[in-house]
Amino acid sequence: FHKYTFPKGEESNIIVDPTSKIFGTTYHT
């Protein structure tokens, strides 16, 4: 469960990166 509290009046984004790894190689997503 992620809970993000954004400041008012700003453009808000959620980035989702399925290629990111701590170690290893991503073949496809």
PDB file of all heavy atoms in Angstrom:
ATOM      1  N   PHE A   1       0.847  -1.187   0.000  1.00  0.00           N
ATOM      2  CA  PHE A   1       0.000   0.000   0.000  1.00  0.00           C
ATOM      3  C   PHE A   1       0.890   1.247   0.000  1.00  0.00           C
ATOM      4  O   PHE A   1       1.672   1.454   0.932  1.00  0.00           O
ATOM      5  CB  PHE A   1      -0.900   0.019   1.241  1.00  0.00           C
ATOM      6  CG  PHE A   1      -1.855  -1.144   1.309  1.00  0.00           C
ATOM      7  CD1 PHE A   1      -1.480  -2.332   1.922  1.00  0.00           C
ATOM      8  CD2 PHE A   1      -3.126  -1.044   0.757  1.00  0.00           C
ATOM      9  CE1 PHE A   1      -2.353  -3.402   1.996  1.00  0.00           C
ATOM     10  CE2 PHE A   1      -4.003  -2.118   0.825  1.00  0.00           C
ATOM     11  CZ  PHE A   1      -3.626  -3.302   1.443  1.00  0.00           C
ATOM     12  N   HIS A   2       0.755   2.065  -1.045  1.00  0.00           N
ATOM     13  CA  HIS A   2       1.472   3.337  -1.142  1.00  0.00           C
ATOM     14  C   HIS A   2       0.483   4.457  -0.824  1.00  0.00           C
ATOM     15  O   HIS A   2      -0.616   4.485  -1.396  1.00  0.00           O
ATOM     16  CB  HIS A   2       1.989   3.577  -2.559  1.00  0.00           C
ATOM     17  CG  HIS A   2       2.860   2.504  -3.126  1.00  0.00           C
ATOM     18  ND1 HIS A   2       4.163   2.748  -3.543  1.00  0.00           N
ATOM     19  CD2 HIS A   2       2.620   1.193  -3.385  1.00  0.00           C
ATOM     20  CE1 HIS A   2       4.663   1.630  -4.036  1.00  0.00           C
ATOM     21  NE2 HIS A   2       3.757   0.673  -3.949  1.00  0.00           N
ATOM     22  N   LYS A   3       0.877   5.391   0.012  1.00  0.00           N
ATOM     23  CA  LYS A   3       0.081   6.598   0.238  1.00  0.00           C
ATOM     24  C   LYS A   3       0.991   7.805   0.021  1.00  0.00           C
ATOM     25  O   LYS A   3       2.009   7.949   0.688  1.00  0.00           O
ATOM     26  CB  LYS A   3      -0.496   6.637   1.648  1.00  0.00           C
ATOM     27  CG  LYS A   3      -1.338   7.899   1.913  1.00  0.00           C
ATOM     28  CD  LYS A   3      -1.879   7.913   3.339  1.00  0.00           C
ATOM     29  CE  LYS A   3      -2.678   9.174   3.607  1.00  0.00           C
ATOM     30  NZ  LYS A   3      -3.206   9.220   4.997  1.00  0.00           N
ATOM     31  N   TYR A   4       0.607   8.657  -0.942  1.00  0.00           N
ATOM     32  CA  TYR A   4       1.402   9.841  -1.258  1.00  0.00           C
ATOM     33  C   TYR A   4       0.543  11.080  -1.032  1.00  0.00           C
ATOM     34  O   TYR A   4      -0.561  11.193  -1.579  1.00  0.00           O
ATOM     35  CB  TYR A   4       1.877   9.799  -2.708  1.00  0.00           C
ATOM     36  CG  TYR A   4       2.744   8.597  -3.021  1.00  0.00           C
ATOM     37  CD1 TYR A   4       2.426   7.742  -4.069  1.00  0.00           C
ATOM     38  CD2 TYR A   4       3.879   8.318  -2.264  1.00  0.00           C
ATOM     39  CE1 TYR A   4       3.216   6.640  -4.353  1.00  0.00           C
ATOM     40  CE2 TYR A   4       4.670   7.217  -2.531  1.00  0.00           C
ATOM     41  CZ  TYR A   4       4.332   6.380  -3.585  1.00  0.00           C
ATOM     42  OH  TYR A   4       5.109   5.286  -3.856  1.00  0.00           O
ATOM     43  N   THR A   5       1.053  12.005  -0.235  1.00  0.00           N
ATOM     44  CA  THR A   5       0.370  13.265   0.030  1.00  0.00           C
ATOM     45  C   THR A   5       1.087  14.369  -0.728  1.00  0.00           C
ATOM     46  O   THR A   5       2.236  14.712  -0.421  1.00  0.00           O
ATOM     47  CB  THR A   5       0.351  13.576   1.531  1.00  0.00           C
ATOM     48  OG1 THR A   5      -0.254  12.479   2.235  1.00  0.00           O
ATOM     49  CG2 THR A   5      -0.438  14.844   1.806  1.00  0.00           C
ATOM     50  N   PHE A   6       0.416  14.914  -1.746  1.00  0.00           N
ATOM     51  CA  PHE A   6       1.006  15.913  -2.630  1.00  0.00           C
ATOM     52  C   PHE A   6       0.677  17.323  -2.135  1.00  0.00           C
ATOM     53  O   PHE A   6      -0.361  17.542  -1.512  1.00  0.00           O
ATOM     54  CB  PHE A   6       0.464  15.756  -4.057  1.00  0.00           C
ATOM     55  CG  PHE A   6       0.884  14.497  -4.744  1.00  0.00           C
ATOM     56  CD1 PHE A   6       0.143  13.334  -4.603  1.00  0.00           C
ATOM     57  CD2 PHE A   6       2.009  14.463  -5.542  1.00  0.00           C
ATOM     58  CE1 PHE A   6       0.523  12.162  -5.242  1.00  0.00           C
ATOM     59  CE2 PHE A   6       2.396  13.312  -6.191  1.00  0.00           C
ATOM     60  CZ  PHE A   6       1.652  12.154  -6.039  1.00  0.00           C
ATOM     61  N   PRO A   7       1.528  18.309  -2.452  1.00  0.00           N
ATOM     62  CA  PRO A   7       1.184  19.698  -2.133  1.00  0.00           C
ATOM     63  C   PRO A   7       0.030  20.180  -3.005  1.00  0.00           C
ATOM     64  O   PRO A   7      -0.150  19.714  -4.133  1.00  0.00           O
ATOM     65  CB  PRO A   7       2.477  20.459  -2.446  1.00  0.00           C
ATOM     66  CG  PRO A   7       3.189  19.614  -3.443  1.00  0.00           C
ATOM     67  CD  PRO A   7       2.849  18.194  -3.092  1.00  0.00           C
ATOM     68  N   LYS A   8      -0.753  21.115  -2.499  1.00  0.00           N
ATOM     69  CA  LYS A   8      -1.874  21.655  -3.256  1.00  0.00           C
ATOM     70  C   LYS A   8      -1.377  22.530  -4.407  1.00  0.00           C
ATOM     71  O   LYS A   8      -0.344  23.173  -4.315  1.00  0.00           O
ATOM     72  CB  LYS A   8      -2.783  22.474  -2.348  1.00  0.00           C
ATOM     73  CG  LYS A   8      -3.528  21.648  -1.309  1.00  0.00           C
ATOM     74  CD  LYS A   8      -4.456  22.513  -0.488  1.00  0.00           C
ATOM     75  CE  LYS A   8      -5.235  21.674   0.513  1.00  0.00           C
ATOM     76  NZ  LYS A   8      -6.137  22.516   1.337  1.00  0.00           N
ATOM     77  N   GLY A   9      -2.152  22.523  -5.501  1.00  0.00           N
ATOM     78  CA  GLY A   9      -1.879  23.439  -6.595  1.00  0.00           C
ATOM     79  C   GLY A   9      -0.718  23.064  -7.482  1.00  0.00           C
ATOM     80  O   GLY A   9      -0.238  23.882  -8.256  1.00  0.00           O
ATOM     81  N   GLU A  10      -0.224  21.845  -7.395  1.00  0.00           N
ATOM     82  CA  GLU A  10       0.888  21.409  -8.231  1.00  0.00           C
ATOM     83  C   GLU A  10       0.438  20.288  -9.167  1.00  0.00           C
ATOM     84  O   GLU A  10      -0.497  19.551  -8.873  1.00  0.00           O
ATOM     85  CB  GLU A  10       2.050  20.886  -7.365  1.00  0.00           C
ATOM     86  CG  GLU A  10       2.687  21.922  -6.455  1.00  0.00           C
ATOM     87  CD  GLU A  10       3.635  22.854  -7.196  1.00  0.00           C
ATOM     88  OE1 GLU A  10       3.882  22.603  -8.397  1.00  0.00           O
ATOM     89  OE2 GLU A  10       4.104  23.819  -6.575  1.00  0.00           O
ATOM     90  N   GLU A  11       1.109  20.175 -10.307  1.00  0.00           N
ATOM     91  CA  GLU A  11       0.880  19.043 -11.190  1.00  0.00           C
ATOM     92  C   GLU A  11       1.501  17.810 -10.552  1.00  0.00           C
ATOM     93  O   GLU A  11       2.699  17.781 -10.260  1.00  0.00           O
ATOM     94  CB  GLU A  11       1.505  19.300 -12.560  1.00  0.00           C
ATOM     95  CG  GLU A  11       1.318  18.149 -13.538  1.00  0.00           C
ATOM     96  CD  GLU A  11       1.964  18.399 -14.884  1.00  0.00           C
ATOM     97  OE1 GLU A  11       2.413  19.538 -15.115  1.00  0.00           O
ATOM     98  OE2 GLU A  11       2.027  17.460 -15.690  1.00  0.00           O
ATOM     99  N   SER A  12       0.707  16.767 -10.335  1.00  0.00           N
ATOM    100  CA  SER A  12       1.167  15.575  -9.631  1.00  0.00           C
ATOM    101  C   SER A  12       1.354  14.422 -10.604  1.00  0.00           C
ATOM    102  O   SER A  12       0.540  14.220 -11.503  1.00  0.00           O
ATOM    103  CB  SER A  12       0.155  15.175  -8.554  1.00  0.00           C
ATOM    104  OG  SER A  12      -0.059  16.238  -7.649  1.00  0.00           O
ATOM    105  N   ASN A  13       2.438  13.671 -10.419  1.00  0.00           N
ATOM    106  CA  ASN A  13       2.757  12.547 -11.295  1.00  0.00           C
ATOM    107  C   ASN A  13       3.035  11.294 -10.464  1.00  0.00           C
ATOM    108  O   ASN A  13       3.546  11.386  -9.345  1.00  0.00           O
ATOM    109  CB  ASN A  13       4.011  12.839 -12.132  1.00  0.00           C
ATOM    110  CG  ASN A  13       3.995  14.208 -12.774  1.00  0.00           C
ATOM    111  OD1 ASN A  13       3.090  14.543 -13.516  1.00  0.00           O
ATOM    112  ND2 ASN A  13       5.014  15.012 -12.481  1.00  0.00           N
ATOM    113  N   ILE A  14       2.717  10.137 -11.033  1.00  0.00           N
ATOM    114  CA  ILE A  14       3.152   8.853 -10.493  1.00  0.00           C
ATOM    115  C   ILE A  14       3.929   8.137 -11.595  1.00  0.00           C
ATOM    116  O   ILE A  14       3.368   7.810 -12.637  1.00  0.00           O
ATOM    117  CB  ILE A  14       1.982   7.970 -10.036  1.00  0.00           C
ATOM    118  CG1 ILE A  14       1.209   8.618  -8.886  1.00  0.00           C
ATOM    119  CG2 ILE A  14       2.481   6.586  -9.639  1.00  0.00           C
ATOM    120  CD1 ILE A  14       1.941   8.612  -7.562  1.00  0.00           C
ATOM    121  N   ILE A  15       5.211   7.924 -11.386  1.00  0.00           N
ATOM    122  CA  ILE A  15       6.061   7.224 -12.347  1.00  0.00           C
ATOM    123  C   ILE A  15       6.075   5.742 -11.981  1.00  0.00           C
ATOM    124  O   ILE A  15       6.315   5.386 -10.821  1.00  0.00           O
ATOM    125  CB  ILE A  15       7.485   7.798 -12.347  1.00  0.00           C
ATOM    126  CG1 ILE A  15       7.464   9.249 -12.828  1.00  0.00           C
ATOM    127  CG2 ILE A  15       8.427   6.951 -13.207  1.00  0.00           C
ATOM    128  CD1 ILE A  15       8.778   9.978 -12.621  1.00  0.00           C
ATOM    129  N   VAL A  16       5.814   4.885 -12.956  1.00  0.00           N
ATOM    130  CA  VAL A  16       5.895   3.437 -12.779  1.00  0.00           C
ATOM    131  C   VAL A  16       6.949   2.914 -13.735  1.00  0.00           C
ATOM    132  O   VAL A  16       6.824   3.062 -14.956  1.00  0.00           O
ATOM    133  CB  VAL A  16       4.534   2.752 -13.056  1.00  0.00           C
ATOM    134  CG1 VAL A  16       4.664   1.245 -12.888  1.00  0.00           C
ATOM    135  CG2 VAL A  16       3.456   3.310 -12.143  1.00  0.00           C
ATOM    136  N   ASP A  17       8.008   2.319 -13.194  1.00  0.00           N
ATOM    137  CA  ASP A  17       9.119   1.827 -14.027  1.00  0.00           C
ATOM    138  C   ASP A  17       9.276   0.328 -13.814  1.00  0.00           C
ATOM    139  O   ASP A  17       9.900  -0.113 -12.843  1.00  0.00           O
ATOM    140  CB  ASP A  17      10.414   2.554 -13.671  1.00  0.00           C
ATOM    141  CG  ASP A  17      11.579   2.141 -14.564  1.00  0.00           C
ATOM    142  OD1 ASP A  17      11.374   1.285 -15.456  1.00  0.00           O
ATOM    143  OD2 ASP A  17      12.695   2.665 -14.372  1.00  0.00           O
ATOM    144  N   PRO A  18       8.743  -0.504 -14.714  1.00  0.00           N
ATOM    145  CA  PRO A  18       8.886  -1.953 -14.569  1.00  0.00           C
ATOM    146  C   PRO A  18      10.248  -2.470 -15.005  1.00  0.00           C
ATOM    147  O   PRO A  18      10.522  -3.664 -14.852  1.00  0.00           O
ATOM    148  CB  PRO A  18       7.776  -2.493 -15.472  1.00  0.00           C
ATOM    149  CG  PRO A  18       7.641  -1.465 -16.534  1.00  0.00           C
ATOM    150  CD  PRO A  18       7.918  -0.140 -15.873  1.00  0.00           C
ATOM    151  N   THR A  19      11.115  -1.607 -15.541  1.00  0.00           N
ATOM    152  CA  THR A  19      12.440  -2.039 -15.983  1.00  0.00           C
ATOM    153  C   THR A  19      13.485  -1.936 -14.884  1.00  0.00           C
ATOM    154  O   THR A  19      14.565  -2.509 -14.995  1.00  0.00           O
ATOM    155  CB  THR A  19      12.922  -1.217 -17.190  1.00  0.00           C
ATOM    156  OG1 THR A  19      13.207   0.128 -16.772  1.00  0.00           O
ATOM    157  CG2 THR A  19      11.876  -1.194 -18.286  1.00  0.00           C
ATOM    158  N   SER A  20      13.188  -1.187 -13.826  1.00  0.00           N
ATOM    159  CA  SER A  20      14.173  -0.950 -12.772  1.00  0.00           C
ATOM    160  C   SER A  20      14.440  -2.220 -11.970  1.00  0.00           C
ATOM    161  O   SER A  20      13.517  -2.964 -11.631  1.00  0.00           O
ATOM    162  CB  SER A  20      13.679   0.151 -11.832  1.00  0.00           C
ATOM    163  OG  SER A  20      14.630   0.426 -10.824  1.00  0.00           O
ATOM    164  N   LYS A  21      15.723  -2.491 -11.672  1.00  0.00           N
ATOM    165  CA  LYS A  21      16.139  -3.636 -10.862  1.00  0.00           C
ATOM    166  C   LYS A  21      17.277  -3.208  -9.934  1.00  0.00           C
ATOM    167  O   LYS A  21      18.081  -2.346 -10.279  1.00  0.00           O
ATOM    168  CB  LYS A  21      16.651  -4.796 -11.733  1.00  0.00           C
ATOM    169  CG  LYS A  21      15.684  -5.271 -12.796  1.00  0.00           C
ATOM    170  CD  LYS A  21      14.481  -5.958 -12.191  1.00  0.00           C
ATOM    171  CE  LYS A  21      13.452  -6.241 -13.269  1.00  0.00           C
ATOM    172  NZ  LYS A  21      12.121  -6.463 -12.740  1.00  0.00           N
ATOM    173  N   ILE A  22      17.350  -3.845  -8.772  1.00  0.00           N
ATOM    174  CA  ILE A  22      18.516  -3.643  -7.921  1.00  0.00           C
ATOM    175  C   ILE A  22      19.728  -4.324  -8.531  1.00  0.00           C
ATOM    176  O   ILE A  22      20.849  -3.824  -8.454  1.00  0.00           O
ATOM    177  CB  ILE A  22      18.238  -4.176  -6.501  1.00  0.00           C
ATOM    178  CG1 ILE A  22      17.125  -3.336  -5.857  1.00  0.00           C
ATOM    179  CG2 ILE A  22      19.490  -4.157  -5.641  1.00  0.00           C
ATOM    180  CD1 ILE A  22      16.654  -3.862  -4.516  1.00  0.00           C
ATOM    181  N   PHE A  23      19.507  -5.474  -9.176  1.00  0.00           N
ATOM    182  CA  PHE A  23      20.581  -6.198  -9.851  1.00  0.00           C
ATOM    183  C   PHE A  23      19.968  -7.079 -10.925  1.00  0.00           C
ATOM    184  O   PHE A  23      18.885  -7.633 -10.742  1.00  0.00           O
ATOM    185  CB  PHE A  23      21.365  -7.061  -8.859  1.00  0.00           C
ATOM    186  CG  PHE A  23      22.415  -7.932  -9.495  1.00  0.00           C
ATOM    187  CD1 PHE A  23      23.656  -7.422  -9.819  1.00  0.00           C
ATOM    188  CD2 PHE A  23      22.147  -9.267  -9.774  1.00  0.00           C
ATOM    189  CE1 PHE A  23      24.627  -8.223 -10.410  1.00  0.00           C
ATOM    190  CE2 PHE A  23      23.103 -10.071 -10.355  1.00  0.00           C
ATOM    191  CZ  PHE A  23      24.347  -9.549 -10.678  1.00  0.00           C
ATOM    192  N   GLY A  24      20.638  -7.191 -12.073  1.00  0.00           N
ATOM    193  CA  GLY A  24      20.173  -8.105 -13.099  1.00  0.00           C
ATOM    194  C   GLY A  24      19.823  -7.399 -14.392  1.00  0.00           C
ATOM    195  O   GLY A  24      20.064  -6.209 -14.571  1.00  0.00           O
ATOM    196  N   THR A  25      19.204  -8.131 -15.293  1.00  0.00           N
ATOM    197  CA  THR A  25      18.860  -7.652 -16.623  1.00  0.00           C
ATOM    198  C   THR A  25      17.370  -7.825 -16.868  1.00  0.00           C
ATOM    199  O   THR A  25      16.811  -8.893 -16.598  1.00  0.00           O
ATOM    200  CB  THR A  25      19.641  -8.430 -17.701  1.00  0.00           C
ATOM    201  OG1 THR A  25      21.037  -8.266 -17.471  1.00  0.00           O
ATOM    202  CG2 THR A  25      19.299  -7.935 -19.091  1.00  0.00           C
ATOM    203  N   THR A  26      16.720  -6.785 -17.373  1.00  0.00           N
ATOM    204  CA  THR A  26      15.315  -6.866 -17.753  1.00  0.00           C
ATOM    205  C   THR A  26      15.220  -7.251 -19.217  1.00  0.00           C
ATOM    206  O   THR A  26      15.757  -6.569 -20.089  1.00  0.00           O
ATOM    207  CB  THR A  26      14.613  -5.519 -17.513  1.00  0.00           C
ATOM    208  OG1 THR A  26      14.734  -5.155 -16.136  1.00  0.00           O
ATOM    209  CG2 THR A  26      13.146  -5.606 -17.878  1.00  0.00           C
ATOM    210  N   TYR A  27      14.500  -8.345 -19.513  1.00  0.00           N
ATOM    211  CA  TYR A  27      14.336  -8.808 -20.892  1.00  0.00           C
ATOM    212  C   TYR A  27      13.175  -8.099 -21.583  1.00  0.00           C
ATOM    213  O   TYR A  27      13.316  -7.594 -22.690  1.00  0.00           O
ATOM    214  CB  TYR A  27      14.125 -10.319 -20.925  1.00  0.00           C
ATOM    215  CG  TYR A  27      15.322 -11.111 -20.474  1.00  0.00           C
ATOM    216  CD1 TYR A  27      15.206 -12.069 -19.469  1.00  0.00           C
ATOM    217  CD2 TYR A  27      16.575 -10.899 -21.041  1.00  0.00           C
ATOM    218  CE1 TYR A  27      16.304 -12.810 -19.049  1.00  0.00           C
ATOM    219  CE2 TYR A  27      17.676 -11.631 -20.626  1.00  0.00           C
ATOM    220  CZ  TYR A  27      17.542 -12.584 -19.636  1.00  0.00           C
ATOM    221  OH  TYR A  27      18.633 -13.307 -19.219  1.00  0.00           O
ATOM    222  N   HIS A  28      12.020  -8.105 -20.967  1.00  0.00           N
ATOM    223  CA  HIS A  28      10.909  -7.351 -21.536  1.00  0.00           C
ATOM    224  C   HIS A  28       9.861  -7.099 -20.469  1.00  0.00           C
ATOM    225  O   HIS A  28       9.809  -7.785 -19.433  1.00  0.00           O
ATOM    226  CB  HIS A  28      10.293  -8.053 -22.758  1.00  0.00           C
ATOM    227  CG  HIS A  28       9.824  -9.451 -22.518  1.00  0.00           C
ATOM    228  ND1 HIS A  28       8.588  -9.758 -21.981  1.00  0.00           N
ATOM    229  CD2 HIS A  28      10.429 -10.642 -22.751  1.00  0.00           C
ATOM    230  CE1 HIS A  28       8.442 -11.067 -21.912  1.00  0.00           C
ATOM    231  NE2 HIS A  28       9.543 -11.634 -22.356  1.00  0.00           N
ATOM    232  N   THR A  29       9.016  -6.088 -20.730  1.00  0.00           N
ATOM    233  CA  THR A  29       7.971  -5.693 -19.790  1.00  0.00           C
ATOM    234  C   THR A  29       6.682  -5.432 -20.558  1.00  0.00           C
ATOM    235  O   THR A  29       6.676  -5.269 -21.784  1.00  0.00           O
ATOM    236  CB  THR A  29       8.350  -4.411 -19.014  1.00  0.00           C
ATOM    237  OG1 THR A  29       8.431  -3.317 -19.941  1.00  0.00           O
ATOM    238  CG2 THR A  29       9.668  -4.574 -18.297  1.00  0.00           C
TER     239      THR A  29
END
